[in-house]
């Protein structure tokens, strides 16, 4: 991920995919609902997203950009599923996305 153009695109895509503020994500990751759907990978990714969001752009590493790229892919794949027809607000689909920094109900 050394190419500057690639990094710029990942930066842009990540900014669009992660629509929760660091404070919102940090608060969410402490909830029982977050832990119920996110034991392991999802919860760990949320913590890494927080680390990235607290860094300045110039401080981001190749590993950070690779992680950001994975987050964008995950959010896009899961948003394409459109979630459950009823009660999206309290669904594992939404909770899982929120562990990755994206609240599908947030405008």
Protein backbone atom coordinates (compact mmCIF):
# COMPACT_ATOMS: atom_id res chain seq x y z
CA UNK A 1 0.00 0.00 0.00
CA UNK A 2 2.88 2.34 -0.73
CA UNK A 3 1.23 4.22 -3.59
CA UNK A 4 0.10 7.71 -2.54
CA UNK A 5 -2.98 7.60 -4.79
CA UNK A 6 -4.06 4.30 -3.23
CA UNK A 7 -3.61 5.74 0.25
CA UNK A 8 -5.69 8.78 -0.64
CA UNK A 9 -8.51 6.59 -1.94
CA UNK A 10 -8.41 4.36 1.15
CA UNK A 11 -8.42 7.48 3.36
CA UNK A 12 -11.47 8.83 1.54
CA UNK A 13 -13.33 5.50 1.53
CA UNK A 14 -12.56 4.91 5.20
CA UNK A 15 -13.87 8.36 6.09
CA UNK A 16 -17.14 7.56 4.34
CA UNK A 17 -17.48 4.02 5.73
CA UNK A 18 -16.70 4.87 9.35
CA UNK A 19 -19.54 7.21 10.20
CA UNK A 20 -19.30 6.92 13.98
CA UNK A 21 -17.21 9.42 15.91
CA UNK A 22 -14.42 8.05 18.09
CA UNK A 23 -16.50 8.89 21.18
CA UNK A 24 -19.55 7.06 19.78
CA UNK A 25 -17.48 4.02 18.83
CA UNK A 26 -15.67 3.91 22.15
CA UNK A 27 -18.96 4.09 24.05
CA UNK A 28 -20.51 1.42 21.79
CA UNK A 29 -17.61 -1.02 22.22
CA UNK A 30 -18.23 -1.01 25.98
CA UNK A 31 -21.82 -2.24 25.64
CA UNK A 32 -23.06 -5.78 26.17
CA UNK A 33 -24.61 -5.73 22.68
CA UNK A 34 -21.23 -5.00 21.13
CA UNK A 35 -19.58 -7.85 22.98
CA UNK A 36 -22.40 -10.29 22.12
CA UNK A 37 -21.89 -9.92 18.36
CA UNK A 38 -18.25 -8.99 18.34
CA UNK A 39 -16.23 -11.38 20.41
CA UNK A 40 -12.90 -11.60 18.68
CA UNK A 41 -12.42 -10.06 15.25
CA UNK A 42 -15.20 -7.45 15.17
CA UNK A 43 -14.43 -6.08 18.59
CA UNK A 44 -10.67 -6.07 17.90
CA UNK A 45 -11.24 -4.24 14.62
CA UNK A 46 -13.28 -1.62 16.46
CA UNK A 47 -10.40 -1.03 18.85
CA UNK A 48 -7.98 -0.69 15.93
CA UNK A 49 -10.35 1.77 14.24
CA UNK A 50 -10.22 3.88 17.40
CA UNK A 51 -6.43 3.82 17.29
CA UNK A 52 -6.48 4.96 13.67
CA UNK A 53 -9.02 7.72 14.32
CA UNK A 54 -6.83 9.10 17.11
CA UNK A 55 -3.79 9.38 14.83
CA UNK A 56 -2.90 12.19 12.52
CA UNK A 57 -2.96 11.24 8.85
CA UNK A 58 0.83 11.60 8.60
CA UNK A 59 1.25 9.06 11.43
CA UNK A 60 -0.65 6.26 9.67
CA UNK A 61 1.38 3.17 8.79
CA UNK A 62 1.07 0.66 5.95
CA UNK A 63 -0.60 -1.65 8.50
CA UNK A 64 -3.13 1.07 9.33
CA UNK A 65 -3.97 1.57 5.64
CA UNK A 66 -4.36 -2.19 5.16
CA UNK A 67 -6.71 -2.27 8.16
CA UNK A 68 -8.67 0.70 6.82
CA UNK A 69 -9.03 -1.12 3.49
CA UNK A 70 -10.46 -4.20 5.28
CA UNK A 71 -12.91 -2.03 7.20
CA UNK A 72 -14.19 -0.44 4.00
CA UNK A 73 -14.66 -3.85 2.37
CA UNK A 74 -16.50 -5.24 5.40
CA UNK A 75 -18.85 -2.25 5.63
CA UNK A 76 -19.63 -2.34 1.91
CA UNK A 77 -20.31 -6.10 1.90
CA UNK A 78 -22.59 -5.96 4.93
CA UNK A 79 -24.46 -2.86 3.80
CA UNK A 80 -25.23 -4.67 0.54
CA UNK A 81 -27.15 -7.24 2.61
CA UNK A 82 -29.59 -4.48 3.67
CA UNK A 83 -30.12 -6.10 7.07
CA UNK A 84 -33.34 -7.57 8.42
CA UNK A 85 -36.70 -6.40 7.13
CA UNK A 86 -37.90 -5.60 10.63
CA UNK A 87 -36.23 -4.07 13.68
CA UNK A 88 -32.93 -3.09 12.10
CA UNK A 89 -32.23 -0.93 15.13
CA UNK A 90 -31.79 -3.91 17.48
CA UNK A 91 -30.39 -6.41 15.01
CA UNK A 92 -27.09 -8.32 15.10
CA UNK A 93 -26.53 -6.98 11.55
CA UNK A 94 -26.49 -3.39 12.83
CA UNK A 95 -24.52 -4.23 15.95
CA UNK A 96 -21.85 -6.00 13.92
CA UNK A 97 -21.49 -3.03 11.57
CA UNK A 98 -21.24 -0.71 14.55
CA UNK A 99 -18.30 -2.74 15.88
CA UNK A 100 -16.60 -1.79 12.60
CA UNK A 101 -17.42 1.91 13.07
CA UNK A 102 -20.50 2.14 10.86
CA UNK A 103 -24.00 2.76 12.16
CA UNK A 104 -26.35 2.01 9.25
CA UNK A 105 -29.14 4.02 10.87
CA UNK A 106 -27.05 7.17 11.29
CA UNK A 107 -27.85 9.96 8.88
